[in-house]
Amino acid sequence: MQETKYNGPEMNAKKVIVLLVTAALILTLFLTRTCKQDPVVDTPAEEEVQSKPQDYIYISPFDSLFRLYADSVCDWKMLAAIAYVESKFDTTARSHRGAQGLMQIMPSTYRHLLARMGVADTMAQSVELDIRVAVKYIDDLGNLFSFINERERMNYILGSYNGGSNHIFDAMRIARKKGINRYNWNSLSPVLASLSDPEVYNDSVCQFGSFDATETLNYVKRVNRKYNEYKNQEHLFQAIEKLADNNK
């Protein structure tokens, strides 16, 4: 048998040591990666977690801010409903009365709320600041009507957000004088609508004069209708997600 000769590069001791160390490092990395792998029955990979659908519906590009700042003041979907009715999510919207931005708050009210929040007065409004100011306003109105049960309270908050709390309280004083339930929005609405009648707004208990409540009453209905629409969408979304999870 003829002797086979090796014609490749010479394998000196130094090269052998380098190869052995490299092989050891590769083996160590492999074993480390293998030990850290989750069993098949454990949680999904990070990519799968990130791509998993969220447990809330998509309403607008500002949903994350609504959820962040609504907190315990109101359901974030109510905040979204207000924004939709106010501006249809147009951050550049401006009303004929001067209200501006996503949440359509009057500049004077905006500056007043900024001061109460301890934020420097600035006319360079941002979407985030608009939402924070609106939440502060809703919170203040909620405290103002804290004596009304929670289920009814949001109607009074919405009415005040649109038409001002002074006229709402005028209507409540008129209702009290007439023996009408002033703590129920449906009962109060006709009284609020009557504030444009001289015989009503000239009553001594009416402190803030004439008020055409047509827009305000319609506003409360529109926001509630949009809010209920969002709630129904969310319930449907969650039902579909639950069904999908059960079929996995």
Protein backbone atom coordinates (compact mmCIF):
# COMPACT_ATOMS: atom_id res chain seq x y z
CA MET A 1 0.00 0.00 0.00
CA GLN A 2 1.49 3.29 -1.07
CA GLU A 3 1.96 5.91 1.63
CA THR A 4 -0.31 8.92 1.24
CA LYS A 5 1.44 12.24 1.72
CA TYR A 6 -0.28 15.41 3.10
CA ASN A 7 0.42 18.36 0.80
CA GLY A 8 -1.69 21.00 2.62
CA PRO A 9 -0.48 23.75 5.00
CA GLU A 10 1.55 22.60 7.93
CA MET A 11 -0.51 22.23 11.15
CA ASN A 12 1.76 23.53 13.84
CA ALA A 13 0.82 23.55 17.54
CA LYS A 14 -0.36 27.18 17.49
CA LYS A 15 -2.89 26.57 14.68
CA VAL A 16 -4.19 23.46 16.40
CA ILE A 17 -4.82 25.42 19.60
CA VAL A 18 -6.67 28.19 17.66
CA LEU A 19 -8.90 25.62 15.96
CA LEU A 20 -9.67 23.86 19.24
CA VAL A 21 -10.55 27.15 20.99
CA THR A 22 -12.79 28.20 18.06
CA ALA A 23 -14.56 24.85 18.11
CA ALA A 24 -15.05 25.14 21.87
CA LEU A 25 -16.60 28.62 21.51
CA ILE A 26 -18.98 27.42 18.79
CA LEU A 27 -20.04 24.47 20.94
CA THR A 28 -20.56 26.73 23.98
CA LEU A 29 -22.75 29.16 22.00
CA PHE A 30 -24.78 26.28 20.59
CA LEU A 31 -25.36 24.73 24.02
CA THR A 32 -26.27 28.11 25.55
CA ARG A 33 -28.78 28.84 22.78
CA THR A 34 -30.26 25.35 23.11
CA CYS A 35 -30.67 25.62 26.88
CA LYS A 36 -32.43 28.99 26.59
CA GLN A 37 -34.95 27.79 24.04
CA ASP A 38 -38.47 27.51 25.42
CA PRO A 39 -40.27 24.18 25.26
CA VAL A 40 -42.82 23.84 22.49
CA VAL A 41 -45.74 24.32 24.91
CA ASP A 42 -44.38 27.55 26.36
CA THR A 43 -45.00 31.16 25.32
CA PRO A 44 -44.65 32.15 21.65
CA ALA A 45 -41.61 33.89 20.25
CA GLU A 46 -41.27 37.65 20.62
CA GLU A 47 -42.20 38.19 16.97
CA GLU A 48 -45.43 36.26 17.47
CA VAL A 49 -46.32 38.23 20.61
CA GLN A 50 -45.76 41.53 18.83
CA SER A 51 -47.91 40.49 15.87
CA LYS A 52 -50.76 39.18 18.03
CA PRO A 53 -53.91 41.39 17.65
CA GLN A 54 -54.55 43.81 20.49
CA ASP A 55 -57.59 43.49 22.75
CA TYR A 56 -59.07 46.81 21.66
CA ILE A 57 -60.53 48.14 18.45
CA TYR A 58 -58.95 50.72 16.19
CA ILE A 59 -60.90 53.98 16.12
CA SER A 60 -58.43 56.71 15.20
CA PRO A 61 -54.70 57.49 14.96
CA PHE A 62 -54.99 58.94 18.48
CA ASP A 63 -56.28 55.81 20.27
CA SER A 64 -53.09 55.30 22.27
CA LEU A 65 -53.33 58.86 23.63
CA PHE A 66 -57.03 58.45 24.42
CA ARG A 67 -56.26 55.27 26.36
CA LEU A 68 -53.27 56.84 28.09
CA TYR A 69 -55.03 59.96 29.37
CA ALA A 70 -58.67 58.89 29.77
CA ASP A 71 -57.65 56.78 32.77
CA SER A 72 -60.40 56.77 35.41
CA VAL A 73 -62.04 59.99 34.15
CA CYS A 74 -64.01 58.23 31.43
CA ASP A 75 -63.89 55.32 29.02
CA TRP A 76 -61.31 56.04 26.31
CA LYS A 77 -63.96 55.30 23.70
CA MET A 78 -66.05 58.16 25.10
CA LEU A 79 -63.06 60.45 24.65
CA ALA A 80 -62.75 59.22 21.07
CA ALA A 81 -66.48 59.80 20.52
CA ILE A 82 -66.16 63.39 21.75
CA ALA A 83 -63.19 63.99 19.44
CA TYR A 84 -65.08 62.53 16.48
CA VAL A 85 -68.18 64.68 17.03
CA GLU A 86 -66.10 67.77 17.77
CA SER A 87 -63.63 67.60 14.88
CA LYS A 88 -63.94 64.23 13.10
CA PHE A 89 -60.34 63.74 14.26
CA ASP A 90 -59.15 66.80 12.33
CA THR A 91 -56.37 68.38 14.40
CA THR A 92 -56.56 71.62 12.38
CA ALA A 93 -60.32 72.12 12.83
CA ARG A 94 -61.58 75.52 13.93
CA SER A 95 -65.20 76.35 14.70
CA HIS A 96 -67.03 79.56 13.85
CA ARG A 97 -66.91 80.40 17.56
CA GLY A 98 -63.13 80.03 17.74
CA ALA A 99 -62.83 76.58 19.31
CA GLN A 100 -59.85 74.78 17.84
CA GLY A 101 -57.94 71.55 17.60
CA LEU A 102 -58.87 67.92 17.94
CA MET A 103 -61.02 68.44 21.05
CA GLN A 104 -62.39 71.88 20.02
CA ILE A 105 -61.79 73.76 23.26
CA MET A 106 -62.15 77.55 23.33
CA PRO A 107 -58.80 79.38 23.69
CA SER A 108 -59.81 81.07 26.96
CA THR A 109 -60.88 77.76 28.49
CA TYR A 110 -57.73 76.14 27.11
CA ARG A 111 -55.46 78.71 28.78
CA HIS A 112 -57.39 78.49 32.05
CA LEU A 113 -57.03 74.71 32.12
CA LEU A 114 -53.33 74.90 31.23
CA ALA A 115 -52.80 77.14 34.24
CA ARG A 116 -54.69 74.72 36.48
CA MET A 117 -52.56 71.88 35.14
CA GLY A 118 -49.37 73.82 35.84
CA VAL A 119 -48.44 73.89 32.16
CA ALA A 120 -46.91 77.01 30.60
CA ASP A 121 -49.33 78.95 28.41
CA THR A 122 -48.60 78.26 24.76
CA MET A 123 -50.55 78.71 21.59
CA ALA A 124 -48.46 75.98 19.93
CA GLN A 125 -51.05 73.31 20.63
CA SER A 126 -50.18 69.68 20.18
CA VAL A 127 -52.57 66.74 19.86
CA GLU A 128 -51.32 65.27 23.12
CA LEU A 129 -51.81 68.55 24.98
CA ASP A 130 -55.28 68.96 23.46
CA ILE A 131 -56.28 65.57 24.81
CA ARG A 132 -54.76 66.24 28.24
CA VAL A 133 -56.63 69.55 28.48
CA ALA A 134 -59.89 67.92 27.39
CA VAL A 135 -59.49 65.19 30.01
CA LYS A 136 -58.85 67.85 32.66
CA TYR A 137 -61.98 69.68 31.54
CA ILE A 138 -64.07 66.50 31.66
CA ASP A 139 -62.67 65.71 35.10
CA ASP A 140 -63.54 69.19 36.39
CA LEU A 141 -67.07 68.91 35.01
CA GLY A 142 -67.41 65.45 36.54
CA ASN A 143 -66.52 66.90 39.94
CA LEU A 144 -69.00 69.72 39.37
CA PHE A 145 -71.78 67.18 38.82
CA SER A 146 -70.52 64.62 41.33
CA PHE A 147 -73.93 64.69 43.09
CA ILE A 148 -75.55 63.09 40.02
CA ASN A 149 -75.42 59.32 39.71
CA GLU A 150 -72.62 58.00 37.53
CA ARG A 151 -74.89 56.64 34.81
CA GLU A 152 -76.50 60.05 34.21
CA ARG A 153 -73.48 62.20 34.99
CA MET A 154 -71.81 61.91 31.58
CA ASN A 155 -74.85 63.53 29.91
CA TYR A 156 -74.41 66.59 32.12
CA ILE A 157 -70.68 66.61 31.41
CA LEU A 158 -71.30 66.45 27.67
CA GLY A 159 -73.97 69.16 27.84
CA SER A 160 -71.59 71.40 29.75
CA TYR A 161 -68.66 70.60 27.45
CA ASN A 162 -70.70 71.90 24.55
CA GLY A 163 -72.94 74.59 26.02
CA GLY A 164 -71.35 75.52 29.33
CA SER A 165 -72.29 74.39 32.82
CA ASN A 166 -73.98 77.70 33.71
CA HIS A 167 -76.95 77.02 31.43
CA ILE A 168 -77.21 73.44 32.66
CA PHE A 169 -77.49 74.73 36.24
CA ASP A 170 -80.06 77.32 35.14
CA ALA A 171 -82.16 74.52 33.69
CA MET A 172 -81.76 72.53 36.90
CA ARG A 173 -82.97 75.46 38.98
CA ILE A 174 -86.00 75.91 36.72
CA ALA A 175 -86.70 72.17 36.90
CA ARG A 176 -86.52 72.21 40.69
CA LYS A 177 -88.97 75.11 40.84
CA LYS A 178 -91.39 73.25 38.56
CA GLY A 179 -91.04 69.94 40.40
CA ILE A 180 -89.27 68.23 37.50
CA ASN A 181 -86.56 65.64 38.13
CA ARG A 182 -83.41 67.66 37.54
CA TYR A 183 -81.14 64.65 38.07
CA ASN A 184 -82.34 62.85 34.95
CA TRP A 185 -81.14 64.13 31.58
CA ASN A 186 -84.25 63.08 29.66
CA SER A 187 -86.40 64.98 32.18
CA LEU A 188 -84.10 68.00 32.15
CA SER A 189 -83.78 68.23 28.34
CA PRO A 190 -87.18 69.92 27.72
CA VAL A 191 -86.42 72.42 30.46
CA LEU A 192 -83.03 73.16 28.90
CA ALA A 193 -84.76 73.62 25.55
CA SER A 194 -87.15 76.15 27.12
CA LEU A 195 -84.31 78.52 28.12
CA SER A 196 -84.85 80.41 24.86
CA ASP A 197 -88.36 81.35 26.06
CA PRO A 198 -88.45 84.85 27.68
CA GLU A 199 -90.93 83.64 30.29
CA VAL A 200 -88.36 81.04 31.37
CA TYR A 201 -85.03 82.87 31.14
CA ASN A 202 -86.51 85.97 32.81
CA ASP A 203 -87.39 83.90 35.87
CA SER A 204 -85.45 85.06 38.90
CA VAL A 205 -83.86 81.62 39.39
CA CYS A 206 -82.40 81.73 35.90
CA GLN A 207 -79.06 83.52 36.35
CA PHE A 208 -77.44 83.36 32.91
CA GLY A 209 -80.14 84.51 30.52
CA SER A 210 -81.36 83.15 27.23
CA PHE A 211 -79.88 79.99 25.75
CA ASP A 212 -80.66 78.10 22.57
CA ALA A 213 -80.07 74.50 23.62
CA THR A 214 -80.74 72.94 20.21
CA GLU A 215 -77.08 72.34 19.41
CA THR A 216 -76.24 71.15 22.91
CA LEU A 217 -79.08 68.63 23.10
CA ASN A 218 -78.19 67.32 19.66
CA TYR A 219 -74.52 67.16 20.66
CA VAL A 220 -75.22 64.95 23.68
CA LYS A 221 -77.24 62.57 21.51
CA ARG A 222 -74.57 62.42 18.82
CA VAL A 223 -71.72 61.70 21.23
CA ASN A 224 -73.71 59.01 23.03
CA ARG A 225 -74.68 57.45 19.72
CA LYS A 226 -71.06 57.38 18.54
CA TYR A 227 -69.90 56.03 21.89
CA ASN A 228 -72.44 53.21 21.76
CA GLU A 229 -71.31 52.45 18.22
CA TYR A 230 -67.70 52.16 19.41
CA LYS A 231 -68.75 49.95 22.33
CA ASN A 232 -70.69 47.63 20.04
CA GLN A 233 -67.72 47.40 17.69
CA GLU A 234 -65.46 46.54 20.60
CA HIS A 235 -67.83 43.84 21.89
CA LEU A 236 -67.97 42.30 18.42
CA PHE A 237 -64.19 42.49 18.10
CA GLN A 238 -63.67 40.81 21.47
CA ALA A 239 -66.19 38.08 20.64
CA ILE A 240 -64.38 37.30 17.39
CA GLU A 241 -61.01 37.28 19.17
CA LYS A 242 -62.34 34.92 21.83
CA LEU A 243 -63.78 32.60 19.21
CA ALA A 244 -60.48 32.59 17.33
CA ASP A 245 -58.57 31.80 20.54
CA ASN A 246 -60.94 28.93 21.37
CA ASN A 247 -60.45 27.42 17.92
CA LYS A 248 -56.66 27.42 18.16
